[in-house]
Amino acid sequence: MGSLLFRASKIGKFFDLNSNEKQIFLQAFWLLLYYRLSLKLCSLKFVLDGMEQTSSKQTTHDHSSGALHRICQLVESAATLVPYTTCLSKALAGREICMQNGFDVTLRVGVAKEDSAVVAHAWLTHSHAIVLCNLPDIDKYQELPANQL
């Protein structure tokens, strides 16, 4: 019963969005699915190469930090509906949507050692500030150079 109420509240929140936010949310949902499956089936290099070929900047009426923050919120919200969403699929989807809306964002990937394992994390930055996939302990990640992705 609780799960049904949770889904009903999510649907209600969707209908409270304005038309532009609904479009961004739906685009984020489909891009998250696309990148989640692409990363499962292909290498990161292949996915990034495909992104570079299809990415194009478009302009939007609102280039404020509030608009960028709202796009990132909508990506995070859509990610709750896509099973096994990773920071990398969120960052890739967020990057595509932000770039389409005229925001110059950068995909960052870092690695860290935890116990005896190496872990990775991806995030987005705009003007050197993290806008998507921030972590409280993000400083522990050593960022990989873009040419090593």
N, C-alpha and C. Protein backbone atom coordinates (compact mmCIF):
# COMPACT_ATOMS: atom_id res chain seq x y z
N MET A 1 0.82 -1.20 0.00
CA MET A 1 0.00 0.00 0.00
C MET A 1 0.87 1.26 0.00
N GLY A 2 1.96 1.22 0.79
CA GLY A 2 2.84 2.38 0.87
C GLY A 2 3.48 2.70 -0.47
N SER A 3 3.84 1.66 -1.21
CA SER A 3 4.45 1.85 -2.53
C SER A 3 3.47 2.52 -3.49
N LEU A 4 2.21 2.14 -3.40
CA LEU A 4 1.18 2.72 -4.26
C LEU A 4 0.99 4.21 -3.95
N LEU A 5 1.00 4.56 -2.66
CA LEU A 5 0.89 5.96 -2.27
C LEU A 5 2.10 6.76 -2.74
N PHE A 6 3.28 6.13 -2.66
CA PHE A 6 4.51 6.80 -3.11
C PHE A 6 4.40 7.11 -4.60
N ARG A 7 3.95 6.14 -5.40
CA ARG A 7 3.81 6.36 -6.84
C ARG A 7 2.76 7.41 -7.14
N ALA A 8 1.66 7.41 -6.41
CA ALA A 8 0.60 8.40 -6.63
C ALA A 8 1.12 9.80 -6.33
N SER A 9 1.94 9.94 -5.29
CA SER A 9 2.47 11.27 -4.99
C SER A 9 3.47 11.71 -6.05
N LYS A 10 4.23 10.78 -6.62
CA LYS A 10 5.16 11.10 -7.72
C LYS A 10 4.38 11.58 -8.95
N ILE A 11 3.30 10.89 -9.26
CA ILE A 11 2.48 11.27 -10.42
C ILE A 11 1.87 12.65 -10.19
N GLY A 12 1.39 12.90 -8.99
CA GLY A 12 0.82 14.20 -8.66
C GLY A 12 1.86 15.31 -8.80
N LYS A 13 3.09 15.05 -8.37
CA LYS A 13 4.16 16.05 -8.49
C LYS A 13 4.47 16.33 -9.95
N PHE A 14 4.41 15.29 -10.79
CA PHE A 14 4.68 15.47 -12.22
C PHE A 14 3.66 16.45 -12.82
N PHE A 15 2.40 16.30 -12.48
CA PHE A 15 1.36 17.17 -13.04
C PHE A 15 1.44 18.59 -12.49
N ASP A 16 2.16 18.78 -11.38
CA ASP A 16 2.36 20.12 -10.84
C ASP A 16 3.45 20.88 -11.60
N LEU A 17 4.26 20.19 -12.39
CA LEU A 17 5.33 20.84 -13.15
C LEU A 17 4.75 21.67 -14.28
N ASN A 18 5.47 22.73 -14.67
CA ASN A 18 5.04 23.48 -15.85
C ASN A 18 5.43 22.69 -17.09
N SER A 19 5.00 23.12 -18.25
CA SER A 19 5.20 22.32 -19.47
C SER A 19 6.69 22.14 -19.80
N ASN A 20 7.51 23.16 -19.59
CA ASN A 20 8.94 23.04 -19.85
C ASN A 20 9.59 22.03 -18.90
N GLU A 21 9.20 22.08 -17.62
CA GLU A 21 9.73 21.13 -16.64
C GLU A 21 9.30 19.70 -16.95
N LYS A 22 8.06 19.52 -17.40
CA LYS A 22 7.60 18.18 -17.78
C LYS A 22 8.44 17.65 -18.94
N GLN A 23 8.70 18.50 -19.90
CA GLN A 23 9.51 18.09 -21.05
C GLN A 23 10.91 17.69 -20.61
N ILE A 24 11.53 18.48 -19.74
CA ILE A 24 12.88 18.17 -19.25
C ILE A 24 12.86 16.88 -18.43
N PHE A 25 11.85 16.71 -17.58
CA PHE A 25 11.74 15.50 -16.77
C PHE A 25 11.62 14.26 -17.66
N LEU A 26 10.75 14.32 -18.65
CA LEU A 26 10.57 13.17 -19.55
C LEU A 26 11.83 12.90 -20.37
N GLN A 27 12.48 13.95 -20.82
CA GLN A 27 13.73 13.78 -21.54
C GLN A 27 14.77 13.14 -20.63
N ALA A 28 14.85 13.59 -19.39
CA ALA A 28 15.79 13.01 -18.43
C ALA A 28 15.49 11.54 -18.21
N PHE A 29 14.22 11.20 -18.05
CA PHE A 29 13.83 9.80 -17.84
C PHE A 29 14.32 8.93 -18.99
N TRP A 30 14.05 9.33 -20.22
CA TRP A 30 14.44 8.52 -21.38
C TRP A 30 15.96 8.48 -21.56
N LEU A 31 16.62 9.61 -21.31
CA LEU A 31 18.08 9.61 -21.42
C LEU A 31 18.73 8.74 -20.34
N LEU A 32 18.16 8.74 -19.14
CA LEU A 32 18.68 7.87 -18.08
C LEU A 32 18.54 6.40 -18.47
N LEU A 33 17.40 6.04 -19.03
CA LEU A 33 17.22 4.67 -19.51
C LEU A 33 18.23 4.35 -20.61
N TYR A 34 18.37 5.27 -21.55
CA TYR A 34 19.28 5.08 -22.68
C TYR A 34 20.72 4.90 -22.19
N TYR A 35 21.19 5.81 -21.33
CA TYR A 35 22.57 5.72 -20.87
C TYR A 35 22.79 4.53 -19.95
N ARG A 36 21.79 4.18 -19.16
CA ARG A 36 21.93 3.01 -18.28
C ARG A 36 22.13 1.75 -19.14
N LEU A 37 21.32 1.60 -20.19
CA LEU A 37 21.46 0.44 -21.07
C LEU A 37 22.74 0.52 -21.91
N SER A 38 23.05 1.70 -22.41
CA SER A 38 24.26 1.87 -23.23
C SER A 38 25.51 1.51 -22.44
N LEU A 39 25.58 1.96 -21.19
CA LEU A 39 26.75 1.68 -20.37
C LEU A 39 26.84 0.21 -19.98
N LYS A 40 25.70 -0.45 -19.95
CA LYS A 40 25.68 -1.89 -19.66
C LYS A 40 26.21 -2.68 -20.86
N LEU A 41 25.92 -2.19 -22.08
CA LEU A 41 26.25 -2.94 -23.30
C LEU A 41 27.51 -2.45 -24.01
N CYS A 42 27.94 -1.22 -23.76
CA CYS A 42 29.06 -0.63 -24.52
C CYS A 42 30.09 -0.04 -23.57
N SER A 43 31.24 0.28 -24.11
CA SER A 43 32.28 0.92 -23.31
C SER A 43 31.95 2.40 -23.11
N LEU A 44 32.53 2.98 -22.07
CA LEU A 44 32.33 4.40 -21.82
C LEU A 44 32.85 5.22 -22.99
N LYS A 45 33.97 4.84 -23.56
CA LYS A 45 34.53 5.58 -24.69
C LYS A 45 33.55 5.59 -25.87
N PHE A 46 32.94 4.46 -26.15
CA PHE A 46 31.97 4.37 -27.24
C PHE A 46 30.78 5.31 -26.97
N VAL A 47 30.29 5.30 -25.73
CA VAL A 47 29.14 6.15 -25.37
C VAL A 47 29.53 7.63 -25.47
N LEU A 48 30.71 7.99 -24.97
CA LEU A 48 31.16 9.38 -25.04
C LEU A 48 31.39 9.83 -26.47
N ASP A 49 31.95 8.97 -27.30
CA ASP A 49 32.15 9.31 -28.71
C ASP A 49 30.81 9.58 -29.39
N GLY A 50 29.80 8.76 -29.08
CA GLY A 50 28.47 8.97 -29.64
C GLY A 50 27.85 10.26 -29.17
N MET A 51 28.12 10.63 -27.91
CA MET A 51 27.60 11.90 -27.37
C MET A 51 28.20 13.08 -28.09
N GLU A 52 29.49 13.04 -28.34
CA GLU A 52 30.17 14.16 -28.99
C GLU A 52 29.62 14.39 -30.39
N GLN A 53 29.25 13.31 -31.07
CA GLN A 53 28.73 13.44 -32.43
C GLN A 53 27.33 14.03 -32.46
N THR A 54 26.54 13.77 -31.42
CA THR A 54 25.15 14.21 -31.44
C THR A 54 24.88 15.45 -30.60
N SER A 55 25.83 15.86 -29.76
CA SER A 55 25.54 16.99 -28.87
C SER A 55 25.58 18.29 -29.64
N SER A 56 24.59 19.11 -29.35
CA SER A 56 24.54 20.44 -29.96
C SER A 56 23.99 21.41 -28.94
N LYS A 57 24.60 22.57 -28.87
CA LYS A 57 24.12 23.58 -27.94
C LYS A 57 22.93 24.31 -28.53
N GLN A 58 21.94 24.53 -27.72
CA GLN A 58 20.80 25.34 -28.10
C GLN A 58 20.69 26.43 -27.05
N THR A 59 19.99 27.46 -27.37
CA THR A 59 19.83 28.52 -26.39
C THR A 59 18.48 28.39 -25.71
N THR A 60 18.42 28.89 -24.52
CA THR A 60 17.18 28.93 -23.76
C THR A 60 16.98 30.35 -23.27
N HIS A 61 15.81 30.66 -22.84
CA HIS A 61 15.51 32.02 -22.41
C HIS A 61 16.12 32.34 -21.05
N ASP A 62 16.38 31.33 -20.25
CA ASP A 62 16.83 31.54 -18.88
C ASP A 62 18.17 30.86 -18.65
N HIS A 63 19.23 31.63 -18.59
CA HIS A 63 20.56 31.09 -18.33
C HIS A 63 20.97 31.30 -16.87
N SER A 64 20.02 31.48 -15.99
CA SER A 64 20.34 31.73 -14.59
C SER A 64 20.78 30.44 -13.92
N SER A 65 21.47 30.61 -12.79
CA SER A 65 21.89 29.44 -12.04
C SER A 65 20.67 28.70 -11.49
N GLY A 66 19.56 29.41 -11.29
CA GLY A 66 18.33 28.77 -10.84
C GLY A 66 17.79 27.79 -11.88
N ALA A 67 17.88 28.18 -13.16
CA ALA A 67 17.42 27.29 -14.23
C ALA A 67 18.32 26.05 -14.30
N LEU A 68 19.61 26.23 -14.18
CA LEU A 68 20.54 25.09 -14.19
C LEU A 68 20.26 24.17 -13.01
N HIS A 69 20.07 24.78 -11.84
CA HIS A 69 19.77 23.99 -10.64
C HIS A 69 18.47 23.20 -10.83
N ARG A 70 17.47 23.81 -11.44
CA ARG A 70 16.18 23.14 -11.64
C ARG A 70 16.33 21.96 -12.60
N ILE A 71 17.11 22.13 -13.66
CA ILE A 71 17.36 21.01 -14.59
C ILE A 71 17.98 19.85 -13.83
N CYS A 72 18.96 20.14 -13.00
CA CYS A 72 19.63 19.08 -12.24
C CYS A 72 18.69 18.40 -11.25
N GLN A 73 17.79 19.18 -10.64
CA GLN A 73 16.78 18.60 -9.74
C GLN A 73 15.87 17.64 -10.51
N LEU A 74 15.48 18.03 -11.70
CA LEU A 74 14.59 17.19 -12.50
C LEU A 74 15.30 15.90 -12.94
N VAL A 75 16.58 15.98 -13.24
CA VAL A 75 17.35 14.77 -13.58
C VAL A 75 17.40 13.85 -12.35
N GLU A 76 17.68 14.42 -11.19
CA GLU A 76 17.71 13.62 -9.96
C GLU A 76 16.35 12.97 -9.68
N SER A 77 15.27 13.71 -9.89
CA SER A 77 13.93 13.16 -9.67
C SER A 77 13.63 12.03 -10.64
N ALA A 78 13.95 12.23 -11.91
CA ALA A 78 13.72 11.19 -12.91
C ALA A 78 14.54 9.95 -12.59
N ALA A 79 15.73 10.14 -12.04
CA ALA A 79 16.61 9.01 -11.72
C ALA A 79 16.00 8.08 -10.67
N THR A 80 15.11 8.60 -9.84
CA THR A 80 14.48 7.74 -8.83
C THR A 80 13.53 6.73 -9.46
N LEU A 81 13.15 6.95 -10.72
CA LEU A 81 12.23 6.05 -11.40
C LEU A 81 12.93 5.03 -12.31
N VAL A 82 14.23 5.19 -12.51
CA VAL A 82 14.98 4.29 -13.39
C VAL A 82 15.81 3.35 -12.51
N PRO A 83 15.51 2.07 -12.56
CA PRO A 83 16.24 1.12 -11.70
C PRO A 83 17.73 1.10 -12.01
N TYR A 84 18.52 0.97 -10.95
CA TYR A 84 19.98 0.83 -11.04
C TYR A 84 20.66 2.02 -11.72
N THR A 85 20.07 3.20 -11.57
CA THR A 85 20.70 4.40 -12.12
C THR A 85 22.00 4.65 -11.37
N THR A 86 23.03 4.98 -12.12
CA THR A 86 24.34 5.26 -11.53
C THR A 86 24.65 6.75 -11.63
N CYS A 87 25.68 7.15 -10.92
CA CYS A 87 26.11 8.55 -11.02
C CYS A 87 26.54 8.87 -12.45
N LEU A 88 27.13 7.90 -13.13
CA LEU A 88 27.58 8.13 -14.51
C LEU A 88 26.40 8.33 -15.45
N SER A 89 25.38 7.50 -15.34
CA SER A 89 24.22 7.69 -16.23
C SER A 89 23.51 9.00 -15.92
N LYS A 90 23.46 9.40 -14.63
CA LYS A 90 22.87 10.70 -14.27
C LYS A 90 23.70 11.85 -14.84
N ALA A 91 25.01 11.75 -14.71
CA ALA A 91 25.87 12.83 -15.20
C ALA A 91 25.80 12.95 -16.73
N LEU A 92 25.73 11.82 -17.42
CA LEU A 92 25.64 11.86 -18.88
C LEU A 92 24.31 12.45 -19.34
N ALA A 93 23.22 12.01 -18.72
CA ALA A 93 21.90 12.56 -19.06
C ALA A 93 21.84 14.04 -18.73
N GLY A 94 22.33 14.40 -17.55
CA GLY A 94 22.33 15.80 -17.15
C GLY A 94 23.17 16.66 -18.06
N ARG A 95 24.31 16.14 -18.49
CA ARG A 95 25.18 16.88 -19.39
C ARG A 95 24.46 17.18 -20.71
N GLU A 96 23.81 16.16 -21.25
CA GLU A 96 23.12 16.35 -22.53
C GLU A 96 22.01 17.40 -22.42
N ILE A 97 21.21 17.32 -21.37
CA ILE A 97 20.11 18.26 -21.22
C ILE A 97 20.63 19.67 -20.95
N CYS A 98 21.63 19.79 -20.11
CA CYS A 98 22.20 21.11 -19.81
C CYS A 98 22.80 21.74 -21.06
N MET A 99 23.54 20.96 -21.84
CA MET A 99 24.15 21.49 -23.06
C MET A 99 23.07 21.93 -24.05
N GLN A 100 22.00 21.15 -24.15
CA GLN A 100 20.91 21.52 -25.06
C GLN A 100 20.23 22.81 -24.64
N ASN A 101 20.31 23.11 -23.35
CA ASN A 101 19.69 24.33 -22.83
C ASN A 101 20.69 25.47 -22.70
N GLY A 102 21.85 25.32 -23.32
CA GLY A 102 22.82 26.41 -23.38
C GLY A 102 23.77 26.53 -22.21
N PHE A 103 23.80 25.56 -21.32
CA PHE A 103 24.72 25.60 -20.18
C PHE A 103 25.98 24.81 -20.51
N ASP A 104 27.11 25.43 -20.30
CA ASP A 104 28.40 24.78 -20.55
C ASP A 104 28.80 24.01 -19.30
N VAL A 105 28.55 22.73 -19.31
CA VAL A 105 28.87 21.88 -18.16
C VAL A 105 29.97 20.90 -18.56
N THR A 106 30.67 20.40 -17.55
CA THR A 106 31.77 19.48 -17.79
C THR A 106 31.54 18.19 -17.01
N LEU A 107 31.71 17.07 -17.69
CA LEU A 107 31.63 15.76 -17.05
C LEU A 107 32.96 15.49 -16.37
N ARG A 108 32.91 15.12 -15.12
CA ARG A 108 34.11 14.77 -14.35
C ARG A 108 33.96 13.33 -13.87
N VAL A 109 35.05 12.60 -13.90
CA VAL A 109 35.08 11.24 -13.37
C VAL A 109 36.31 11.12 -12.49
N GLY A 110 36.11 10.57 -11.32
CA GLY A 110 37.23 10.40 -10.40
C GLY A 110 37.25 9.00 -9.82
N VAL A 111 38.40 8.61 -9.30
CA VAL A 111 38.56 7.30 -8.67
C VAL A 111 39.14 7.49 -7.27
N ALA A 112 38.82 6.55 -6.40
CA ALA A 112 39.34 6.55 -5.04
C ALA A 112 39.52 5.11 -4.59
N LYS A 113 40.35 4.94 -3.59
CA LYS A 113 40.56 3.61 -3.03
C LYS A 113 39.78 3.52 -1.72
N GLU A 114 38.92 2.52 -1.64
CA GLU A 114 38.16 2.24 -0.42
C GLU A 114 38.48 0.83 0.01
N ASP A 115 39.05 0.70 1.19
CA ASP A 115 39.52 -0.60 1.67
C ASP A 115 40.49 -1.16 0.64
N SER A 116 40.17 -2.28 0.03
CA SER A 116 41.08 -2.85 -0.98
C SER A 116 40.51 -2.72 -2.39
N ALA A 117 39.45 -1.92 -2.54
CA ALA A 117 38.81 -1.77 -3.85
C ALA A 117 38.99 -0.35 -4.39
N VAL A 118 38.96 -0.26 -5.70
CA VAL A 118 38.97 1.03 -6.36
C VAL A 118 37.52 1.35 -6.73
N VAL A 119 37.06 2.55 -6.36
CA VAL A 119 35.70 2.98 -6.66
C VAL A 119 35.77 4.22 -7.54
N ALA A 120 34.73 4.42 -8.32
CA ALA A 120 34.68 5.57 -9.23
C ALA A 120 33.41 6.37 -8.96
N HIS A 121 33.46 7.63 -9.35
CA HIS A 121 32.29 8.49 -9.22
C HIS A 121 32.32 9.50 -10.37
N ALA A 122 31.13 9.85 -10.87
CA ALA A 122 31.01 10.84 -11.94
C ALA A 122 30.14 11.98 -11.44
N TRP A 123 30.45 13.19 -11.90
CA TRP A 123 29.68 14.36 -11.53
C TRP A 123 29.78 15.41 -12.62
N LEU A 124 28.92 16.41 -12.53
CA LEU A 124 28.91 17.52 -13.49
C LEU A 124 29.32 18.81 -12.80
N THR A 125 30.09 19.62 -13.51
CA THR A 125 30.43 20.94 -12.99
C THR A 125 30.04 22.02 -13.99
N HIS A 126 29.79 23.19 -13.44
CA HIS A 126 29.53 24.39 -14.24
C HIS A 126 30.29 25.52 -13.56
N SER A 127 31.18 26.17 -14.31
CA SER A 127 32.03 27.22 -13.73
C SER A 127 32.75 26.73 -12.48
N HIS A 128 33.27 25.52 -12.53
CA HIS A 128 34.05 24.89 -11.46
C HIS A 128 33.24 24.54 -10.22
N ALA A 129 31.92 24.66 -10.26
CA ALA A 129 31.07 24.28 -9.14
C ALA A 129 30.31 23.01 -9.51
N ILE A 130 30.20 22.09 -8.57
CA ILE A 130 29.48 20.85 -8.82
C ILE A 130 27.99 21.13 -8.84
N VAL A 131 27.33 20.70 -9.93
CA VAL A 131 25.89 20.95 -10.07
C VAL A 131 25.06 19.67 -10.05
N LEU A 132 25.69 18.52 -10.27
CA LEU A 132 24.96 17.26 -10.28
C LEU A 132 25.86 16.14 -9.77
N CYS A 133 25.32 15.29 -8.93
CA CYS A 133 26.00 14.11 -8.37
C CYS A 133 27.09 14.47 -7.37
N ASN A 134 26.85 15.48 -6.57
CA ASN A 134 27.81 15.86 -5.53
C ASN A 134 27.74 14.85 -4.38
N LEU A 135 28.84 14.66 -3.72
CA LEU A 135 28.93 13.79 -2.55
C LEU A 135 29.61 14.55 -1.42
N PRO A 136 29.28 14.23 -0.17
CA PRO A 136 29.94 14.90 0.95
C PRO A 136 31.46 14.66 0.97
N ASP A 137 31.87 13.48 0.50
CA ASP A 137 33.30 13.13 0.52
C ASP A 137 33.92 13.13 -0.88
N ILE A 138 33.45 14.03 -1.72
CA ILE A 138 33.90 14.05 -3.12
C ILE A 138 35.40 14.35 -3.24
N ASP A 139 35.96 15.00 -2.24
CA ASP A 139 37.39 15.33 -2.28
C ASP A 139 38.29 14.10 -2.29
N LYS A 140 37.76 12.95 -1.88
CA LYS A 140 38.59 11.75 -1.87
C LYS A 140 38.83 11.20 -3.28
N TYR A 141 38.06 11.65 -4.27
CA TYR A 141 38.19 11.15 -5.64
C TYR A 141 39.26 11.92 -6.40
N GLN A 142 40.17 11.17 -6.97
CA GLN A 142 41.20 11.76 -7.82
C GLN A 142 40.63 11.83 -9.23
N GLU A 143 40.48 13.05 -9.74
CA GLU A 143 39.85 13.22 -11.04
C GLU A 143 40.74 12.70 -12.16
N LEU A 144 40.12 11.97 -13.08
CA LEU A 144 40.84 11.47 -14.26
C LEU A 144 40.86 12.56 -15.32
N PRO A 145 41.98 12.69 -16.02
CA PRO A 145 42.01 13.65 -17.14
C PRO A 145 40.99 13.25 -18.21
N ALA A 146 40.42 14.24 -18.87
CA ALA A 146 39.38 13.97 -19.88
C ALA A 146 39.86 13.04 -20.97
N ASN A 147 41.13 13.10 -21.31
CA ASN A 147 41.64 12.23 -22.40
C ASN A 147 41.81 10.78 -21.94
N GLN A 148 41.60 10.49 -20.66
CA GLN A 148 41.70 9.11 -20.18
C GLN A 148 40.34 8.46 -20.00
N LEU A 149 39.29 9.16 -20.32
CA LEU A 149 37.95 8.59 -20.18
C LEU A 149 37.63 7.70 -21.35
